[in-house]
Full PDB file with SEQRES, HELIX, SHEET, SSBOND, CRYST1, ORIGX, SCALE, CONECT and MASTER records, all heavy atoms in Angstrom:
SEQRES   1 A   35  ASP LEU GLU THR SER TYR TYR THR ALA VAL GLN MET ASP          
SEQRES   2 A   35  GLY ASP GLN LEU ARG ILE ASP LYS LYS PRO VAL ILE PHE          
SEQRES   3 A   35  SER MET VAL LYS PRO GLY GLU THR ILE                          
HELIX    1 AA1 LEU A    2  THR A    4  5                                   3    
SHEET    1 AA1 2 TYR A   6  ASP A  13  0                                        
SHEET    2 AA1 2 GLN A  16  PRO A  23 -1                                        
CRYST1    1.000    1.000    1.000  90.00  90.00  90.00 P 1           1          
ORIGX1      1.000000  0.000000  0.000000        0.00000                         
ORIGX2      0.000000  1.000000  0.000000        0.00000                         
ORIGX3      0.000000  0.000000  1.000000        0.00000                         
SCALE1      1.000000  0.000000  0.000000        0.00000                         
SCALE2      0.000000  1.000000  0.000000        0.00000                         
SCALE3      0.000000  0.000000  1.000000        0.00000                         
ATOM      1  N   ASP A   1     -16.293 127.051 114.871  1.00  0.00           N  
ATOM      2  CA  ASP A   1     -16.058 128.213 114.020  1.00  0.00           C  
ATOM      3  C   ASP A   1     -16.666 127.976 112.636  1.00  0.00           C  
ATOM      4  O   ASP A   1     -16.283 127.038 111.936  1.00  0.00           O  
ATOM      5  CB  ASP A   1     -14.552 128.464 113.900  1.00  0.00           C  
ATOM      6  CG  ASP A   1     -14.244 129.649 112.998  1.00  0.00           C  
ATOM      7  OD1 ASP A   1     -15.017 130.624 113.034  1.00  0.00           O  
ATOM      8  OD2 ASP A   1     -13.262 129.575 112.232  1.00  0.00           O  
ATOM      9  N   LEU A   2     -17.604 128.818 112.243  1.00  0.00           N  
ATOM     10  CA  LEU A   2     -18.280 128.634 110.954  1.00  0.00           C  
ATOM     11  C   LEU A   2     -17.331 128.845 109.778  1.00  0.00           C  
ATOM     12  O   LEU A   2     -17.426 128.161 108.764  1.00  0.00           O  
ATOM     13  CB  LEU A   2     -19.474 129.590 110.845  1.00  0.00           C  
ATOM     14  CG  LEU A   2     -20.647 129.354 111.796  1.00  0.00           C  
ATOM     15  CD1 LEU A   2     -21.717 130.422 111.585  1.00  0.00           C  
ATOM     16  CD2 LEU A   2     -21.231 127.963 111.619  1.00  0.00           C  
ATOM     17  N   GLU A   3     -16.409 129.796 109.919  1.00  0.00           N  
ATOM     18  CA  GLU A   3     -15.544 130.136 108.787  1.00  0.00           C  
ATOM     19  C   GLU A   3     -14.554 129.031 108.441  1.00  0.00           C  
ATOM     20  O   GLU A   3     -14.046 128.974 107.327  1.00  0.00           O  
ATOM     21  CB  GLU A   3     -14.805 131.454 109.061  1.00  0.00           C  
ATOM     22  CG  GLU A   3     -15.745 132.650 109.103  1.00  0.00           C  
ATOM     23  CD  GLU A   3     -15.012 133.961 109.242  1.00  0.00           C  
ATOM     24  OE1 GLU A   3     -13.764 133.961 109.198  1.00  0.00           O  
ATOM     25  OE2 GLU A   3     -15.680 134.997 109.416  1.00  0.00           O  
ATOM     26  N   THR A   4     -14.264 128.152 109.407  1.00  0.00           N  
ATOM     27  CA  THR A   4     -13.356 127.031 109.131  1.00  0.00           C  
ATOM     28  C   THR A   4     -14.137 125.708 109.139  1.00  0.00           C  
ATOM     29  O   THR A   4     -13.620 124.670 109.534  1.00  0.00           O  
ATOM     30  CB  THR A   4     -12.213 126.977 110.162  1.00  0.00           C  
ATOM     31  OG1 THR A   4     -12.778 126.902 111.488  1.00  0.00           O  
ATOM     32  CG2 THR A   4     -11.343 128.218 110.062  1.00  0.00           C  
ATOM     33  N   SER A   5     -15.371 125.765 108.690  1.00  0.00           N  
ATOM     34  CA  SER A   5     -16.232 124.587 108.684  1.00  0.00           C  
ATOM     35  C   SER A   5     -15.642 123.468 107.823  1.00  0.00           C  
ATOM     36  O   SER A   5     -15.032 123.717 106.780  1.00  0.00           O  
ATOM     37  CB  SER A   5     -17.622 124.946 108.154  1.00  0.00           C  
ATOM     38  OG  SER A   5     -18.294 125.821 109.024  1.00  0.00           O  
ATOM     39  N   TYR A   6     -15.857 122.259 108.256  1.00  0.00           N  
ATOM     40  CA  TYR A   6     -15.439 121.079 107.494  1.00  0.00           C  
ATOM     41  C   TYR A   6     -16.614 120.117 107.411  1.00  0.00           C  
ATOM     42  O   TYR A   6     -17.553 120.173 108.195  1.00  0.00           O  
ATOM     43  CB  TYR A   6     -14.252 120.383 108.177  1.00  0.00           C  
ATOM     44  CG  TYR A   6     -14.547 119.898 109.579  1.00  0.00           C  
ATOM     45  CD1 TYR A   6     -15.122 118.638 109.800  1.00  0.00           C  
ATOM     46  CD2 TYR A   6     -14.291 120.701 110.694  1.00  0.00           C  
ATOM     47  CE1 TYR A   6     -15.423 118.199 111.090  1.00  0.00           C  
ATOM     48  CE2 TYR A   6     -14.600 120.268 111.976  1.00  0.00           C  
ATOM     49  CZ  TYR A   6     -15.151 119.015 112.161  1.00  0.00           C  
ATOM     50  OH  TYR A   6     -15.459 118.580 113.428  1.00  0.00           O  
ATOM     51  N   TYR A   7     -16.556 119.244 106.408  1.00  0.00           N  
ATOM     52  CA  TYR A   7     -17.515 118.151 106.367  1.00  0.00           C  
ATOM     53  C   TYR A   7     -16.768 116.830 106.513  1.00  0.00           C  
ATOM     54  O   TYR A   7     -15.563 116.748 106.231  1.00  0.00           O  
ATOM     55  CB  TYR A   7     -18.367 118.181 105.092  1.00  0.00           C  
ATOM     56  CG  TYR A   7     -17.622 117.959 103.787  1.00  0.00           C  
ATOM     57  CD1 TYR A   7     -17.431 116.671 103.277  1.00  0.00           C  
ATOM     58  CD2 TYR A   7     -17.152 119.036 103.031  1.00  0.00           C  
ATOM     59  CE1 TYR A   7     -16.774 116.462 102.074  1.00  0.00           C  
ATOM     60  CE2 TYR A   7     -16.493 118.841 101.827  1.00  0.00           C  
ATOM     61  CZ  TYR A   7     -16.310 117.552 101.346  1.00  0.00           C  
ATOM     62  OH  TYR A   7     -15.660 117.350 100.153  1.00  0.00           O  
ATOM     63  N   THR A   8     -17.450 115.826 106.990  1.00  0.00           N  
ATOM     64  CA  THR A   8     -16.830 114.517 107.168  1.00  0.00           C  
ATOM     65  C   THR A   8     -16.965 113.720 105.879  1.00  0.00           C  
ATOM     66  O   THR A   8     -17.978 113.806 105.173  1.00  0.00           O  
ATOM     67  CB  THR A   8     -17.487 113.745 108.321  1.00  0.00           C  
ATOM     68  OG1 THR A   8     -18.878 113.560 108.032  1.00  0.00           O  
ATOM     69  CG2 THR A   8     -17.335 114.491 109.635  1.00  0.00           C  
ATOM     70  N   ALA A   9     -15.937 112.941 105.565  1.00  0.00           N  
ATOM     71  CA  ALA A   9     -15.933 112.106 104.360  1.00  0.00           C  
ATOM     72  C   ALA A   9     -15.458 110.712 104.749  1.00  0.00           C  
ATOM     73  O   ALA A   9     -14.395 110.561 105.344  1.00  0.00           O  
ATOM     74  CB  ALA A   9     -15.003 112.708 103.306  1.00  0.00           C  
ATOM     75  N   VAL A  10     -16.261 109.702 104.430  1.00  0.00           N  
ATOM     76  CA  VAL A  10     -15.940 108.333 104.838  1.00  0.00           C  
ATOM     77  C   VAL A  10     -15.867 107.428 103.614  1.00  0.00           C  
ATOM     78  O   VAL A  10     -16.653 107.555 102.680  1.00  0.00           O  
ATOM     79  CB  VAL A  10     -16.968 107.803 105.874  1.00  0.00           C  
ATOM     80  CG1 VAL A  10     -18.366 107.784 105.300  1.00  0.00           C  
ATOM     81  CG2 VAL A  10     -16.590 106.436 106.397  1.00  0.00           C  
ATOM     82  N   GLN A  11     -14.863 106.544 103.636  1.00  0.00           N  
ATOM     83  CA  GLN A  11     -14.648 105.588 102.556  1.00  0.00           C  
ATOM     84  C   GLN A  11     -14.312 104.227 103.146  1.00  0.00           C  
ATOM     85  O   GLN A  11     -13.838 104.130 104.289  1.00  0.00           O  
ATOM     86  CB  GLN A  11     -13.449 106.020 101.691  1.00  0.00           C  
ATOM     87  CG  GLN A  11     -13.790 106.784 100.443  1.00  0.00           C  
ATOM     88  CD  GLN A  11     -12.551 106.990  99.593  1.00  0.00           C  
ATOM     89  OE1 GLN A  11     -11.508 107.445 100.061  1.00  0.00           O  
ATOM     90  NE2 GLN A  11     -12.644 106.646  98.318  1.00  0.00           N  
ATOM     91  N   MET A  12     -14.534 103.183 102.357  1.00  0.00           N  
ATOM     92  CA  MET A  12     -14.085 101.846 102.754  1.00  0.00           C  
ATOM     93  C   MET A  12     -12.605 101.707 102.419  1.00  0.00           C  
ATOM     94  O   MET A  12     -12.165 102.078 101.337  1.00  0.00           O  
ATOM     95  CB  MET A  12     -14.857 100.767 101.994  1.00  0.00           C  
ATOM     96  CG  MET A  12     -16.308 100.635 102.376  1.00  0.00           C  
ATOM     97  SD  MET A  12     -16.562  99.748 103.927  1.00  0.00           S  
ATOM     98  CE  MET A  12     -16.330  98.061 103.411  1.00  0.00           C  
ATOM     99  N   ASP A  13     -11.845 101.178 103.378  1.00  0.00           N  
ATOM    100  CA  ASP A  13     -10.430 100.874 103.155  1.00  0.00           C  
ATOM    101  C   ASP A  13     -10.264  99.406 103.514  1.00  0.00           C  
ATOM    102  O   ASP A  13     -10.057  99.063 104.677  1.00  0.00           O  
ATOM    103  CB  ASP A  13      -9.563 101.766 104.040  1.00  0.00           C  
ATOM    104  CG  ASP A  13      -8.080 101.625 103.726  1.00  0.00           C  
ATOM    105  OD1 ASP A  13      -7.740 100.809 102.850  1.00  0.00           O  
ATOM    106  OD2 ASP A  13      -7.268 102.310 104.371  1.00  0.00           O  
ATOM    107  N   GLY A  14     -10.387  98.522 102.521  1.00  0.00           N  
ATOM    108  CA  GLY A  14     -10.471  97.093 102.819  1.00  0.00           C  
ATOM    109  C   GLY A  14     -11.795  96.825 103.512  1.00  0.00           C  
ATOM    110  O   GLY A  14     -12.863  97.192 103.013  1.00  0.00           O  
ATOM    111  N   ASP A  15     -11.719  96.233 104.696  1.00  0.00           N  
ATOM    112  CA  ASP A  15     -12.940  95.989 105.481  1.00  0.00           C  
ATOM    113  C   ASP A  15     -13.193  97.097 106.495  1.00  0.00           C  
ATOM    114  O   ASP A  15     -14.181  97.047 107.228  1.00  0.00           O  
ATOM    115  CB  ASP A  15     -12.824  94.643 106.226  1.00  0.00           C  
ATOM    116  CG  ASP A  15     -12.865  93.474 105.265  1.00  0.00           C  
ATOM    117  OD1 ASP A  15     -13.462  93.626 104.188  1.00  0.00           O  
ATOM    118  OD2 ASP A  15     -12.284  92.421 105.575  1.00  0.00           O  
ATOM    119  N   GLN A  16     -12.296  98.069 106.556  1.00  0.00           N  
ATOM    120  CA  GLN A  16     -12.398  99.134 107.553  1.00  0.00           C  
ATOM    121  C   GLN A  16     -12.930 100.420 106.924  1.00  0.00           C  
ATOM    122  O   GLN A  16     -12.884 100.606 105.708  1.00  0.00           O  
ATOM    123  CB  GLN A  16     -11.027  99.392 108.192  1.00  0.00           C  
ATOM    124  CG  GLN A  16     -10.419  98.175 108.871  1.00  0.00           C  
ATOM    125  CD  GLN A  16     -11.290  97.639 109.989  1.00  0.00           C  
ATOM    126  OE1 GLN A  16     -11.718  98.392 110.858  1.00  0.00           O  
ATOM    127  NE2 GLN A  16     -11.568  96.333 109.960  1.00  0.00           N  
ATOM    128  N   LEU A  17     -13.397 101.310 107.772  1.00  0.00           N  
ATOM    129  CA  LEU A  17     -13.847 102.621 107.316  1.00  0.00           C  
ATOM    130  C   LEU A  17     -12.757 103.648 107.589  1.00  0.00           C  
ATOM    131  O   LEU A  17     -12.188 103.683 108.677  1.00  0.00           O  
ATOM    132  CB  LEU A  17     -15.131 103.024 108.038  1.00  0.00           C  
ATOM    133  CG  LEU A  17     -16.372 102.177 107.740  1.00  0.00           C  
ATOM    134  CD1 LEU A  17     -17.509 102.559 108.677  1.00  0.00           C  
ATOM    135  CD2 LEU A  17     -16.802 102.317 106.293  1.00  0.00           C  
ATOM    136  N   ARG A  18     -12.466 104.465 106.594  1.00  0.00           N  
ATOM    137  CA  ARG A  18     -11.499 105.552 106.762  1.00  0.00           C  
ATOM    138  C   ARG A  18     -12.256 106.875 106.710  1.00  0.00           C  
ATOM    139  O   ARG A  18     -13.071 107.105 105.814  1.00  0.00           O  
ATOM    140  CB  ARG A  18     -10.459 105.515 105.640  1.00  0.00           C  
ATOM    141  CG  ARG A  18      -9.322 106.511 105.863  1.00  0.00           C  
ATOM    142  CD  ARG A  18      -8.297 106.500 104.754  1.00  0.00           C  
ATOM    143  NE  ARG A  18      -8.769 107.205 103.579  1.00  0.00           N  
ATOM    144  CZ  ARG A  18      -8.978 106.637 102.396  1.00  0.00           C  
ATOM    145  NH1 ARG A  18      -8.771 105.358 102.232  1.00  0.00           N  
ATOM    146  NH2 ARG A  18      -9.407 107.354 101.370  1.00  0.00           N  
ATOM    147  N   ILE A  19     -11.977 107.745 107.662  1.00  0.00           N  
ATOM    148  CA  ILE A  19     -12.737 109.003 107.732  1.00  0.00           C  
ATOM    149  C   ILE A  19     -11.796 110.200 107.693  1.00  0.00           C  
ATOM    150  O   ILE A  19     -10.707 110.165 108.280  1.00  0.00           O  
ATOM    151  CB  ILE A  19     -13.631 109.037 108.996  1.00  0.00           C  
ATOM    152  CG1 ILE A  19     -14.587 110.219 108.980  1.00  0.00           C  
ATOM    153  CG2 ILE A  19     -12.853 109.025 110.253  1.00  0.00           C  
ATOM    154  CD1 ILE A  19     -16.004 109.812 109.228  1.00  0.00           C  
ATOM    155  N   ASP A  20     -12.206 111.211 106.954  1.00  0.00           N  
ATOM    156  CA  ASP A  20     -11.423 112.436 106.818  1.00  0.00           C  
ATOM    157  C   ASP A  20     -12.322 113.646 107.056  1.00  0.00           C  
ATOM    158  O   ASP A  20     -13.546 113.560 106.947  1.00  0.00           O  
ATOM    159  CB  ASP A  20     -10.829 112.553 105.405  1.00  0.00           C  
ATOM    160  CG  ASP A  20      -9.866 111.436 105.080  1.00  0.00           C  
ATOM    161  OD1 ASP A  20      -8.885 111.271 105.824  1.00  0.00           O  
ATOM    162  OD2 ASP A  20     -10.103 110.714 104.082  1.00  0.00           O  
ATOM    163  N   LYS A  21     -11.659 114.775 107.355  1.00  0.00           N  
ATOM    164  CA  LYS A  21     -12.351 116.058 107.416  1.00  0.00           C  
ATOM    165  C   LYS A  21     -11.930 116.867 106.192  1.00  0.00           C  
ATOM    166  O   LYS A  21     -10.735 116.955 105.882  1.00  0.00           O  
ATOM    167  CB  LYS A  21     -11.961 116.835 108.676  1.00  0.00           C  
ATOM    168  CG  LYS A  21     -12.349 116.174 109.979  1.00  0.00           C  
ATOM    169  CD  LYS A  21     -11.856 117.039 111.138  1.00  0.00           C  
ATOM    170  CE  LYS A  21     -12.143 116.416 112.489  1.00  0.00           C  
ATOM    171  NZ  LYS A  21     -11.588 117.242 113.590  1.00  0.00           N  
ATOM    172  N   LYS A  22     -12.900 117.461 105.505  1.00  0.00           N  
ATOM    173  CA  LYS A  22     -12.589 118.247 104.318  1.00  0.00           C  
ATOM    174  C   LYS A  22     -13.215 119.628 104.446  1.00  0.00           C  
ATOM    175  O   LYS A  22     -14.351 119.761 104.919  1.00  0.00           O  
ATOM    176  CB  LYS A  22     -13.091 117.546 103.058  1.00  0.00           C  
ATOM    177  CG  LYS A  22     -12.433 116.182 102.862  1.00  0.00           C  
ATOM    178  CD  LYS A  22     -12.648 115.617 101.488  1.00  0.00           C  
ATOM    179  CE  LYS A  22     -11.849 114.324 101.310  1.00  0.00           C  
ATOM    180  NZ  LYS A  22     -12.035 113.738  99.966  1.00  0.00           N  
ATOM    181  N   PRO A  23     -12.498 120.676 104.045  1.00  0.00           N  
ATOM    182  CA  PRO A  23     -13.021 122.039 104.236  1.00  0.00           C  
ATOM    183  C   PRO A  23     -14.228 122.322 103.353  1.00  0.00           C  
ATOM    184  O   PRO A  23     -14.278 121.908 102.195  1.00  0.00           O  
ATOM    185  CB  PRO A  23     -11.829 122.929 103.840  1.00  0.00           C  
ATOM    186  CG  PRO A  23     -10.999 122.076 102.930  1.00  0.00           C  
ATOM    187  CD  PRO A  23     -11.164 120.672 103.401  1.00  0.00           C  
ATOM    188  N   VAL A  24     -15.207 123.020 103.917  1.00  0.00           N  
ATOM    189  CA  VAL A  24     -16.356 123.485 103.133  1.00  0.00           C  
ATOM    190  C   VAL A  24     -15.888 124.669 102.290  1.00  0.00           C  
ATOM    191  O   VAL A  24     -15.221 125.582 102.787  1.00  0.00           O  
ATOM    192  CB  VAL A  24     -17.513 123.907 104.051  1.00  0.00           C  
ATOM    193  CG1 VAL A  24     -18.664 124.509 103.236  1.00  0.00           C  
ATOM    194  CG2 VAL A  24     -18.009 122.724 104.868  1.00  0.00           C  
ATOM    195  N   ILE A  25     -16.221 124.643 101.007  1.00  0.00           N  
ATOM    196  CA  ILE A  25     -15.869 125.750 100.114  1.00  0.00           C  
ATOM    197  C   ILE A  25     -17.064 126.712 100.045  1.00  0.00           C  
ATOM    198  O   ILE A  25     -18.146 126.331  99.608  1.00  0.00           O  
ATOM    199  CB  ILE A  25     -15.537 125.232  98.689  1.00  0.00           C  
ATOM    200  CG1 ILE A  25     -14.454 124.136  98.764  1.00  0.00           C  
ATOM    201  CG2 ILE A  25     -15.105 126.377  97.794  1.00  0.00           C  
ATOM    202  CD1 ILE A  25     -13.148 124.597  99.357  1.00  0.00           C  
ATOM    203  N   PHE A  26     -16.855 127.939 100.477  1.00  0.00           N  
ATOM    204  CA  PHE A  26     -17.927 128.945 100.447  1.00  0.00           C  
ATOM    205  C   PHE A  26     -17.871 129.654  99.096  1.00  0.00           C  
ATOM    206  O   PHE A  26     -17.340 130.758  98.969  1.00  0.00           O  
ATOM    207  CB  PHE A  26     -17.770 129.930 101.605  1.00  0.00           C  
ATOM    208  CG  PHE A  26     -17.788 129.270 102.958  1.00  0.00           C  
ATOM    209  CD1 PHE A  26     -16.680 129.310 103.794  1.00  0.00           C  
ATOM    210  CD2 PHE A  26     -18.919 128.583 103.389  1.00  0.00           C  
ATOM    211  CE1 PHE A  26     -16.689 128.698 105.042  1.00  0.00           C  
ATOM    212  CE2 PHE A  26     -18.948 127.959 104.635  1.00  0.00           C  
ATOM    213  CZ  PHE A  26     -17.833 128.016 105.463  1.00  0.00           C  
ATOM    214  N   SER A  27     -18.434 128.999  98.081  1.00  0.00           N  
ATOM    215  CA  SER A  27     -18.262 129.481  96.711  1.00  0.00           C  
ATOM    216  C   SER A  27     -19.140 130.679  96.373  1.00  0.00           C  
ATOM    217  O   SER A  27     -18.846 131.411  95.426  1.00  0.00           O  
ATOM    218  CB  SER A  27     -18.561 128.339  95.731  1.00  0.00           C  
ATOM    219  OG  SER A  27     -19.882 127.840  95.932  1.00  0.00           O  
ATOM    220  N   MET A  28     -20.231 130.881  97.137  1.00  0.00           N  
ATOM    221  CA  MET A  28     -21.135 131.991  96.830  1.00  0.00           C  
ATOM    222  C   MET A  28     -21.286 132.989  97.966  1.00  0.00           C  
ATOM    223  O   MET A  28     -21.414 134.185  97.731  1.00  0.00           O  
ATOM    224  CB  MET A  28     -22.522 131.442  96.456  1.00  0.00           C  
ATOM    225  CG  MET A  28     -22.553 130.701  95.134  1.00  0.00           C  
ATOM    226  SD  MET A  28     -24.221 130.127  94.716  1.00  0.00           S  
ATOM    227  CE  MET A  28     -25.095 131.679  94.551  1.00  0.00           C  
ATOM    228  N   VAL A  29     -21.288 132.488  99.187  1.00  0.00           N  
ATOM    229  CA  VAL A  29     -21.497 133.373 100.330  1.00  0.00           C  
ATOM    230  C   VAL A  29     -20.767 132.792 101.539  1.00  0.00           C  
ATOM    231  O   VAL A  29     -20.714 131.578 101.718  1.00  0.00           O  
ATOM    232  CB  VAL A  29     -23.009 133.548 100.617  1.00  0.00           C  
ATOM    233  CG1 VAL A  29     -23.684 132.228 100.939  1.00  0.00           C  
ATOM    234  CG2 VAL A  29     -23.261 134.566 101.712  1.00  0.00           C  
ATOM    235  N   LYS A  30     -20.190 133.673 102.346  1.00  0.00           N  
ATOM    236  CA  LYS A  30     -19.451 133.246 103.533  1.00  0.00           C  
ATOM    237  C   LYS A  30     -20.293 133.471 104.789  1.00  0.00           C  
ATOM    238  O   LYS A  30     -21.207 134.301 104.783  1.00  0.00           O  
ATOM    239  CB  LYS A  30     -18.135 134.030 103.639  1.00  0.00           C  
ATOM    240  CG  LYS A  30     -17.156 133.723 102.515  1.00  0.00           C  
ATOM    241  CD  LYS A  30     -15.890 134.554 102.659  1.00  0.00           C  
ATOM    242  CE  LYS A  30     -14.919 134.246 101.517  1.00  0.00           C  
ATOM    243  NZ  LYS A  30     -13.699 135.090 101.597  1.00  0.00           N  
ATOM    244  N   PRO A  31     -19.988 132.743 105.865  1.00  0.00           N  
ATOM    245  CA  PRO A  31     -20.722 132.952 107.121  1.00  0.00           C  
ATOM    246  C   PRO A  31     -20.707 134.424 107.528  1.00  0.00           C  
ATOM    247  O   PRO A  31     -19.681 135.102 107.425  1.00  0.00           O  
ATOM    248  CB  PRO A  31     -19.955 132.086 108.122  1.00  0.00           C  
ATOM    249  CG  PRO A  31     -19.348 131.003 107.290  1.00  0.00           C  
ATOM    250  CD  PRO A  31     -18.992 131.647 105.988  1.00  0.00           C  
ATOM    251  N   GLY A  32     -21.862 134.902 107.954  1.00  0.00           N  
ATOM    252  CA  GLY A  32     -21.983 136.306 108.332  1.00  0.00           C  
ATOM    253  C   GLY A  32     -22.376 137.214 107.183  1.00  0.00           C  
ATOM    254  O   GLY A  32     -22.694 138.388 107.386  1.00  0.00           O  
ATOM    255  N   GLU A  33     -22.340 136.666 105.950  1.00  0.00           N  
ATOM    256  CA  GLU A  33     -22.715 137.453 104.777  1.00  0.00           C  
ATOM    257  C   GLU A  33     -24.055 136.949 104.238  1.00  0.00           C  
ATOM    258  O   GLU A  33     -24.584 135.935 104.684  1.00  0.00           O  
ATOM    259  CB  GLU A  33     -21.637 137.336 103.688  1.00  0.00           C  
ATOM    260  CG  GLU A  33     -20.276 137.875 104.112  1.00  0.00           C  
ATOM    261  CD  GLU A  33     -19.226 137.688 103.027  1.00  0.00           C  
ATOM    262  OE1 GLU A  33     -19.543 137.061 101.993  1.00  0.00           O  
ATOM    263  OE2 GLU A  33     -18.089 138.157 103.215  1.00  0.00           O  
ATOM    264  N   THR A  34     -24.585 137.664 103.256  1.00  0.00           N  
ATOM    265  CA  THR A  34     -25.828 137.245 102.607  1.00  0.00           C  
ATOM    266  C   THR A  34     -25.786 137.668 101.144  1.00  0.00           C  
ATOM    267  O   THR A  34     -25.089 138.621 100.780  1.00  0.00           O  
ATOM    268  CB  THR A  34     -27.059 137.854 103.293  1.00  0.00           C  
ATOM    269  OG1 THR A  34     -28.243 137.371 102.635  1.00  0.00           O  
ATOM    270  CG2 THR A  34     -27.035 139.377 103.252  1.00  0.00           C  
ATOM    271  N   ILE A  35     -26.525 136.943 100.296  1.00  0.00           N  
ATOM    272  CA  ILE A  35     -26.639 137.368  98.901  1.00  0.00           C  
ATOM    273  C   ILE A  35     -27.941 138.147  98.681  1.00  0.00           C  
ATOM    274  O   ILE A  35     -28.228 138.573  97.564  1.00  0.00           O  
ATOM    275  CB  ILE A  35     -26.564 136.178  97.919  1.00  0.00           C  
ATOM    276  CG1 ILE A  35     -27.731 135.201  98.143  1.00  0.00           C  
ATOM    277  CG2 ILE A  35     -25.231 135.476  98.017  1.00  0.00           C  
ATOM    278  CD1 ILE A  35     -27.812 134.124  97.062  1.00  0.00           C  
TER     279      ILE A  35                                                      
MASTER        0    0    0    1    2    0    0    6  278    1    0    3          
END                                                                             
């Protein structure tokens, strides 16, 4: 679903990698729209 798009974010946590999903902010245009 484009409207609930997320990007992946990875960080080091000690020697391990921690990964999260974060929502894409459509600050100018939303999926299906155009400027």
